[in-house]
Every structure is written in structure tokens, then in C-alpha cells.
C-alpha atoms as a PDB file:
ATOM      1  CA  MET A   1      66.522  28.009  -4.197  1.00  0.00           C
ATOM      2  CA  ASP A   2      66.335  30.723  -6.323  1.00  0.00           C
ATOM      3  CA  ALA A   3      70.042  31.656  -4.769  1.00  0.00           C
ATOM      4  CA  LEU A   4      70.949  28.814  -6.663  1.00  0.00           C
ATOM      5  CA  ARG A   5      70.026  29.474  -9.927  1.00  0.00           C
ATOM      6  CA  GLU A   6      71.659  33.241  -9.196  1.00  0.00           C
ATOM      7  CA  TRP A   7      74.970  31.628  -7.878  1.00  0.00           C
ATOM      8  CA  ALA A   8      75.132  29.660 -11.285  1.00  0.00           C
ATOM      9  CA  GLY A   9      74.688  32.303 -13.334  1.00  0.00           C
ATOM     10  CA  ALA A  10      71.020  31.068 -14.847  1.00  0.00           C
ATOM     11  CA  GLU A  11      68.693  33.582 -16.085  1.00  0.00           C
ATOM     12  CA  LYS A  12      65.986  30.651 -16.428  1.00  0.00           C
ATOM     13  CA  ILE A  13      66.119  27.001 -14.895  1.00  0.00           C
ATOM     14  CA  VAL A  14      64.310  23.720 -15.419  1.00  0.00           C
ATOM     15  CA  MET A  15      62.887  23.162 -12.268  1.00  0.00           C
ATOM     16  CA  ALA A  16      62.364  19.792 -11.278  1.00  0.00           C
ATOM     17  CA  GLY A  17      61.431  17.990  -8.093  1.00  0.00           C
ATOM     18  CA  GLY A  18      59.580  14.181  -6.412  1.00  0.00           C
ATOM     19  CA  SER A  19      57.768  13.555  -3.422  1.00  0.00           C
ATOM     20  CA  TYR A  20      58.925  16.291  -1.445  1.00  0.00           C
ATOM     21  CA  GLY A  21      61.502  18.221  -3.325  1.00  0.00           C
ATOM     22  CA  GLY A  22      57.883  18.299  -5.668  1.00  0.00           C
ATOM     23  CA  PHE A  23      56.635  20.109  -3.082  1.00  0.00           C
ATOM     24  CA  ILE A  24      59.553  22.390  -3.336  1.00  0.00           C
ATOM     25  CA  ALA A  25      59.678  22.661  -7.274  1.00  0.00           C
ATOM     26  CA  GLN A  26      55.635  24.106  -7.266  1.00  0.00           C
ATOM     27  CA  GLU A  27      56.352  26.848  -4.577  1.00  0.00           C
ATOM     28  CA  TYR A  28      59.329  28.098  -6.444  1.00  0.00           C
ATOM     29  CA  ALA A  29      57.334  27.717  -9.977  1.00  0.00           C
ATOM     30  CA  ILE A  30      54.925  29.494  -8.305  1.00  0.00           C
ATOM     31  CA  ARG A  31      56.905  32.271  -6.544  1.00  0.00           C
ATOM     32  CA  TYR A  32      59.662  32.918  -9.323  1.00  0.00           C
ATOM     33  CA  PRO A  33      57.146  32.329 -13.081  1.00  0.00           C
ATOM     34  CA  GLU A  34      59.974  34.454 -14.924  1.00  0.00           C
ATOM     35  CA  ARG A  35      62.668  32.381 -13.913  1.00  0.00           C
ATOM     36  CA  VAL A  36      61.219  28.490 -14.451  1.00  0.00           C
ATOM     37  CA  SER A  37      61.804  28.160 -18.640  1.00  0.00           C
ATOM     38  CA  ALA A  38      60.032  24.216 -17.612  1.00  0.00           C
ATOM     39  CA  LEU A  39      58.393  22.398 -14.664  1.00  0.00           C
ATOM     40  CA  VAL A  40      58.944  18.687 -14.055  1.00  0.00           C
ATOM     41  CA  LEU A  41      57.019  17.190 -11.022  1.00  0.00           C
ATOM     42  CA  ARG A  42      57.410  13.531 -10.254  1.00  0.00           C
ATOM     43  CA  ASP A  43      55.515  11.455  -7.946  1.00  0.00           C
ATOM     44  CA  THR A  44      54.193  14.765  -5.404  1.00  0.00           C
ATOM     45  CA  ALA A  45      51.327  16.417  -3.914  1.00  0.00           C
ATOM     46  CA  PRO A  46      49.572  19.730  -4.074  1.00  0.00           C
ATOM     47  CA  ASP A  47      48.426  19.612  -0.156  1.00  0.00           C
ATOM     48  CA  SER A  48      48.873  17.222   2.444  1.00  0.00           C
ATOM     49  CA  VAL A  49      45.257  14.876   2.493  1.00  0.00           C
ATOM     50  CA  ALA A  50      47.331  12.261   0.702  1.00  0.00           C
ATOM     51  CA  GLN A  51      48.591  11.159   4.155  1.00  0.00           C
ATOM     52  CA  GLY A  52      45.129   9.639   4.897  1.00  0.00           C
ATOM     53  CA  LYS A  53      45.414   7.500   1.668  1.00  0.00           C
ATOM     54  CA  ALA A  54      48.972   6.496   2.372  1.00  0.00           C
ATOM     55  CA  THR A  55      48.287   5.133   5.483  1.00  0.00           C
ATOM     56  CA  GLU A  56      45.444   3.042   4.783  1.00  0.00           C
ATOM     57  CA  ASN A  57      47.720   1.728   1.623  1.00  0.00           C
ATOM     58  CA  ALA A  58      50.787   0.863   4.063  1.00  0.00           C
ATOM     59  CA  PHE A  59      48.377  -0.620   6.388  1.00  0.00           C
ATOM     60  CA  SER A  60      46.401  -3.066   4.377  1.00  0.00           C
ATOM     61  CA  SER A  61      49.839  -3.947   1.800  1.00  0.00           C
ATOM     62  CA  SER A  62      50.118  -8.195   1.574  1.00  0.00           C
ATOM     63  CA  ARG A  63      53.653  -7.921   1.230  1.00  0.00           C
ATOM     64  CA  VAL A  64      54.875  -6.366   4.401  1.00  0.00           C
ATOM     65  CA  THR A  65      53.085  -5.794   8.233  1.00  0.00           C
ATOM     66  CA  ILE A  66      53.924  -2.011   9.173  1.00  0.00           C
ATOM     67  CA  ASP A  67      55.322  -1.264  13.216  1.00  0.00           C
ATOM     68  CA  ARG A  68      52.469   1.091  13.838  1.00  0.00           C
ATOM     69  CA  GLU A  69      54.153   3.111  16.020  1.00  0.00           C
ATOM     70  CA  LYS A  70      57.283   3.544  13.677  1.00  0.00           C
ATOM     71  CA  PHE A  71      54.913   4.665  10.786  1.00  0.00           C
ATOM     72  CA  GLU A  72      53.495   6.974  13.263  1.00  0.00           C
ATOM     73  CA  ARG A  73      56.870   8.390  14.010  1.00  0.00           C
ATOM     74  CA  ILE A  74      58.204   8.764  10.664  1.00  0.00           C
ATOM     75  CA  MET A  75      54.910  10.223   9.644  1.00  0.00           C
ATOM     76  CA  GLN A  76      54.574  12.740  12.522  1.00  0.00           C
ATOM     77  CA  GLY A  77      57.729  14.124  12.406  1.00  0.00           C
ATOM     78  CA  ARG A  78      58.375  12.183  15.635  1.00  0.00           C
ATOM     79  CA  VAL A  79      61.979   9.756  15.182  1.00  0.00           C
ATOM     80  CA  ARG A  80      64.189  10.393  18.297  1.00  0.00           C
ATOM     81  CA  ASP A  81      67.439  10.363  16.532  1.00  0.00           C
ATOM     82  CA  ASP A  82      69.352  10.098  13.528  1.00  0.00           C
ATOM     83  CA  ALA A  83      69.163   5.441  14.575  1.00  0.00           C
ATOM     84  CA  ASP A  84      65.832   5.802  15.128  1.00  0.00           C
ATOM     85  CA  LEU A  85      65.027   7.671  11.874  1.00  0.00           C
ATOM     86  CA  ARG A  86      66.725   4.709  10.197  1.00  0.00           C
ATOM     87  CA  ASP A  87      64.703   2.295  12.070  1.00  0.00           C
ATOM     88  CA  CYS A  88      61.429   3.969  10.746  1.00  0.00           C
ATOM     89  CA  TRP A  89      62.568   4.275   7.015  1.00  0.00           C
ATOM     90  CA  ALA A  90      63.398   0.143   6.815  1.00  0.00           C
ATOM     91  CA  GLU A  91      60.300  -0.019   8.177  1.00  0.00           C
ATOM     92  CA  ILE A  92      58.585   1.656   5.200  1.00  0.00           C
ATOM     93  CA  LEU A  93      60.967   1.210   2.566  1.00  0.00           C
ATOM     94  CA  PRO A  94      59.485  -2.142   1.309  1.00  0.00           C
ATOM     95  CA  LEU A  95      56.439   0.052   0.082  1.00  0.00           C
ATOM     96  CA  TYR A  96      57.839   1.926  -2.298  1.00  0.00           C
ATOM     97  CA  ASP A  97      58.426   0.115  -5.095  1.00  0.00           C
ATOM     98  CA  HIS A  98      56.164  -2.252  -7.586  1.00  0.00           C
ATOM     99  CA  GLU A  99      58.379  -5.162  -7.753  1.00  0.00           C
ATOM    100  CA  LEU A 100      59.756  -5.726  -3.930  1.00  0.00           C
ATOM    101  CA  ASP A 101      63.358  -6.536  -4.068  1.00  0.00           C
ATOM    102  CA  TRP A 102      64.611  -7.126  -0.247  1.00  0.00           C
ATOM    103  CA  ASP A 103      68.970  -6.418  -1.571  1.00  0.00           C
ATOM    104  CA  VAL A 104      67.895  -3.538  -2.949  1.00  0.00           C
ATOM    105  CA  VAL A 105      66.122  -2.509   0.393  1.00  0.00           C
ATOM    106  CA  ARG A 106      68.801  -3.205   2.287  1.00  0.00           C
ATOM    107  CA  GLN A 107      71.079  -1.221   0.050  1.00  0.00           C
ATOM    108  CA  ARG A 108      69.295   1.737   0.250  1.00  0.00           C
ATOM    109  CA  VAL A 109      68.693   1.583   3.869  1.00  0.00           C
ATOM    110  CA  GLU A 110      72.498   1.256   4.190  1.00  0.00           C
ATOM    111  CA  ASN A 111      73.256   4.316   1.629  1.00  0.00           C
ATOM    112  CA  THR A 112      70.512   7.126   3.033  1.00  0.00           C
ATOM    113  CA  PRO A 113      72.155  10.038   4.713  1.00  0.00           C
ATOM    114  CA  TYR A 114      70.134  10.526   8.050  1.00  0.00           C
ATOM    115  CA  ARG A 115      69.401  13.633   9.532  1.00  0.00           C
ATOM    116  CA  TYR A 116      65.927  13.287  12.010  1.00  0.00           C
ATOM    117  CA  ALA A 117      65.665  17.122  13.143  1.00  0.00           C
ATOM    118  CA  THR A 118      65.614  17.914   9.315  1.00  0.00           C
ATOM    119  CA  HIS A 119      63.349  15.199   8.653  1.00  0.00           C
ATOM    120  CA  ASN A 120      61.074  15.951  11.570  1.00  0.00           C
ATOM    121  CA  PHE A 121      60.908  19.988  11.480  1.00  0.00           C
ATOM    122  CA  ALA A 122      59.731  18.869   7.657  1.00  0.00           C
ATOM    123  CA  PHE A 123      56.947  16.413   8.635  1.00  0.00           C
ATOM    124  CA  SER A 124      55.915  18.124  11.382  1.00  0.00           C
ATOM    125  CA  VAL A 125      56.122  21.619  10.783  1.00  0.00           C
ATOM    126  CA  ASN A 126      55.819  22.138   7.058  1.00  0.00           C
ATOM    127  CA  GLN A 127      53.925  19.350   5.346  1.00  0.00           C
ATOM    128  CA  PRO A 128      50.951  19.536   7.965  1.00  0.00           C
ATOM    129  CA  GLY A 129      49.167  22.987   6.509  1.00  0.00           C
ATOM    130  CA  PHE A 130      50.488  22.531   3.213  1.00  0.00           C
ATOM    131  CA  ASP A 131      48.112  23.258   0.492  1.00  0.00           C
ATOM    132  CA  ILE A 132      49.069  25.380  -2.663  1.00  0.00           C
ATOM    133  CA  LYS A 133      46.000  24.301  -4.941  1.00  0.00           C
ATOM    134  CA  PRO A 134      45.154  27.981  -5.229  1.00  0.00           C
ATOM    135  CA  ARG A 135      48.173  29.284  -6.359  1.00  0.00           C
ATOM    136  CA  LEU A 136      48.630  26.017  -8.828  1.00  0.00           C
ATOM    137  CA  PRO A 137      46.541  28.219 -11.943  1.00  0.00           C
ATOM    138  CA  SER A 138      49.016  30.942 -11.431  1.00  0.00           C
ATOM    139  CA  ILE A 139      51.676  29.011 -12.499  1.00  0.00           C
ATOM    140  CA  THR A 140      52.799  29.770 -16.417  1.00  0.00           C
ATOM    141  CA  ALA A 141      56.289  27.738 -16.639  1.00  0.00           C
ATOM    142  CA  PRO A 142      55.633  24.314 -19.455  1.00  0.00           C
ATOM    143  CA  THR A 143      54.591  21.255 -16.884  1.00  0.00           C
ATOM    144  CA  LEU A 144      54.871  17.939 -16.926  1.00  0.00           C
ATOM    145  CA  VAL A 145      53.477  15.738 -14.141  1.00  0.00           C
ATOM    146  CA  THR A 146      54.439  12.009 -14.146  1.00  0.00           C
ATOM    147  CA  VAL A 147      53.893   9.535 -11.354  1.00  0.00           C
ATOM    148  CA  GLY A 148      54.106   5.273 -10.852  1.00  0.00           C
ATOM    149  CA  ARG A 149      50.814   3.518 -10.895  1.00  0.00           C
ATOM    150  CA  HIS A 150      51.431   2.057  -7.737  1.00  0.00           C
ATOM    151  CA  ASP A 151      52.555   4.777  -5.241  1.00  0.00           C
ATOM    152  CA  TRP A 152      51.501   3.961  -2.016  1.00  0.00           C
ATOM    153  CA  ILE A 153      52.382   7.619  -0.515  1.00  0.00           C
ATOM    154  CA  VAL A 154      51.134  10.079  -3.460  1.00  0.00           C
ATOM    155  CA  PRO A 155      48.645   8.124  -5.354  1.00  0.00           C
ATOM    156  CA  VAL A 156      47.899   8.669  -8.614  1.00  0.00           C
ATOM    157  CA  GLU A 157      44.933  11.435  -7.592  1.00  0.00           C
ATOM    158  CA  CYS A 158      47.268  13.576  -6.302  1.00  0.00           C
ATOM    159  CA  SER A 159      49.196  13.735  -9.403  1.00  0.00           C
ATOM    160  CA  GLU A 160      45.761  14.566 -11.425  1.00  0.00           C
ATOM    161  CA  THR A 161      45.146  17.291  -9.350  1.00  0.00           C
ATOM    162  CA  ILE A 162      48.244  18.817 -10.377  1.00  0.00           C
ATOM    163  CA  ALA A 163      48.066  18.663 -14.047  1.00  0.00           C
ATOM    164  CA  ALA A 164      43.861  19.553 -14.003  1.00  0.00           C
ATOM    165  CA  LEU A 165      45.153  22.682 -12.062  1.00  0.00           C
ATOM    166  CA  ILE A 166      47.989  23.681 -13.486  1.00  0.00           C
ATOM    167  CA  PRO A 167      47.141  25.079 -16.541  1.00  0.00           C
ATOM    168  CA  GLY A 168      48.159  23.072 -20.033  1.00  0.00           C
ATOM    169  CA  ALA A 169      49.892  20.499 -17.824  1.00  0.00           C
ATOM    170  CA  GLU A 170      50.879  17.231 -19.170  1.00  0.00           C
ATOM    171  CA  LEU A 171      50.128  14.104 -16.790  1.00  0.00           C
ATOM    172  CA  VAL A 172      52.156  10.716 -17.904  1.00  0.00           C
ATOM    173  CA  VAL A 173      51.230   7.642 -15.472  1.00  0.00           C
ATOM    174  CA  PHE A 174      54.345   4.418 -15.588  1.00  0.00           C
ATOM    175  CA  GLU A 175      52.537   1.791 -15.495  1.00  0.00           C
ATOM    176  CA  ASN A 176      54.910  -0.439 -13.508  1.00  0.00           C
ATOM    177  CA  SER A 177      56.581   1.771 -10.757  1.00  0.00           C
ATOM    178  CA  GLY A 178      55.639   2.523  -7.692  1.00  0.00           C
ATOM    179  CA  HIS A 179      57.136   5.770  -6.039  1.00  0.00           C
ATOM    180  CA  SER A 180      60.286   5.872  -8.665  1.00  0.00           C
ATOM    181  CA  PRO A 181      59.204   5.413 -11.692  1.00  0.00           C
ATOM    182  CA  GLN A 182      62.704   7.323 -12.742  1.00  0.00           C
ATOM    183  CA  ILE A 183      64.634   3.833 -11.605  1.00  0.00           C
ATOM    184  CA  GLU A 184      62.014   1.297 -11.915  1.00  0.00           C
ATOM    185  CA  GLU A 185      60.975   2.598 -15.687  1.00  0.00           C
ATOM    186  CA  ALA A 186      63.809   4.822 -16.398  1.00  0.00           C
ATOM    187  CA  GLU A 187      64.593   4.602 -20.193  1.00  0.00           C
ATOM    188  CA  GLU A 188      61.214   5.537 -20.902  1.00  0.00           C
ATOM    189  CA  PHE A 189      60.623   7.786 -17.694  1.00  0.00           C
ATOM    190  CA  GLN A 190      64.084   9.738 -19.158  1.00  0.00           C
ATOM    191  CA  SER A 191      62.326   9.178 -22.976  1.00  0.00           C
ATOM    192  CA  VAL A 192      59.226  10.902 -21.284  1.00  0.00           C
ATOM    193  CA  VAL A 193      61.191  13.856 -19.857  1.00  0.00           C
ATOM    194  CA  ARG A 194      62.832  14.688 -23.236  1.00  0.00           C
ATOM    195  CA  ALA A 195      60.542  14.629 -25.386  1.00  0.00           C
ATOM    196  CA  PHE A 196      58.834  17.283 -22.615  1.00  0.00           C
ATOM    197  CA  LEU A 197      61.555  19.112 -22.489  1.00  0.00           C
ATOM    198  CA  THR A 198      62.535  19.215 -26.436  1.00  0.00           C
ATOM    199  CA  LYS A 199      58.987  21.030 -26.899  1.00  0.00           C
ATOM    200  CA  ALA A 200      59.247  22.852 -24.167  1.00  0.00           C
ATOM    201  CA  VAL A 201      62.085  24.219 -23.778  1.00  0.00           C
ATOM    202  CA  LEU A 202      64.344  23.649 -27.189  1.00  0.00           C
ATOM    203  CA  SER A 203      61.525  24.759 -29.448  1.00  0.00           C
ATOM    204  CA  ALA A 204      60.512  27.460 -27.725  1.00  0.00           C
ATOM    205  CA  ALA A 205      64.059  28.689 -28.018  1.00  0.00           C
END
């Protein structure tokens, strides 16, 4: 990530990350505090504890009946190949949005690039031991933490923990969103992020 910043010729960057990308964004802000002018997080977590809650949410959902074997393969990083990853992804994708639209689900399944080895490494090696709560208070960049109220995989309490641990962090919960408020409430999400960046970056400059 820092090599990309250097390649772009930027002394400082706004770091933004959602979901698994939020893990990376938090790590970057901790390791390179002098390089981050602001941090924007979306539907992410400070540790791997949320996986237990996500499992509970998946199997208590009233909208779909989840195949446990497929669920465990994708969540534990044990998918067999790209076709299996696609099949497992299609199984859990209906859980993500606050309002279920099967046409959108089918479109996402079709348009997603599948890299099963990368997925397996992320979920079986990187994620199980992930816990950066003790290091979050060291983040110095102005931070905006956003989350959808109905996110099944990283519930609101994960974002509340992050916001409580990063000094001065702002928390915004989008009431009509699942895992993707940047899509489900796009106009409001953009307004919130732009207002934050205006205050955090432009005003400081």
C-alpha cells in the first residue's frame, strides 16, 4: 500500500477501506501515521470476533435458508476452486443488502471476479488471528467510521468499538443499509464523507 502511495507521488493520502479493506486501512493508519491525512472506514471490524455473530445472523435470517457446508467453506477459507467460491458466494450474497433484490444478487454473482486461493488465504490465515484493538488508540488521523444498521457480517457494535478506541473518531450509522451504505444510501453516504473530508482535510490545509 505504501509503495502505491509513493508511486503516485503523494506525500499524504486519505485512506479509505470497507469490510476486509477496512482491516488493511486500519493497519496502514497504524503503521504509517505520518502518511494519512484522514481515515474513512466502512462496515469493518477491529478483530475477528464478529464472525460468531455473523454466523448467528446468517442462520437466523428469514429471507434465505443457508447451506451450512457452503457457509463454512467460504467463511473458513476452504473453497475448492473458483467455481466453488462463486457457488458459496451466491449462497450468502442475499444476506448483504437491507432490501433484497434477486436481480441485483444475480448480477453481482455474475460480475464478481473470483480468486479462490487469495480468498482462502485471507480467511484461513489472515483473519482468524486479526485483532488490532490494542493499537487503535495510536491512530492519529481524523477518522470517520460508517456502518449500515442491518449489516449481518460486521454488525454495528464492531464499528462502535472502533470509534470508541480511535481518539476523536466520528461514527455514522446508516439506518436503511446492510453491508453497503455507499450503494444503498449513496447520496447520504457521499454527503457524510464529503462533509467529513472538508472538515478534516481541506480545513486543516
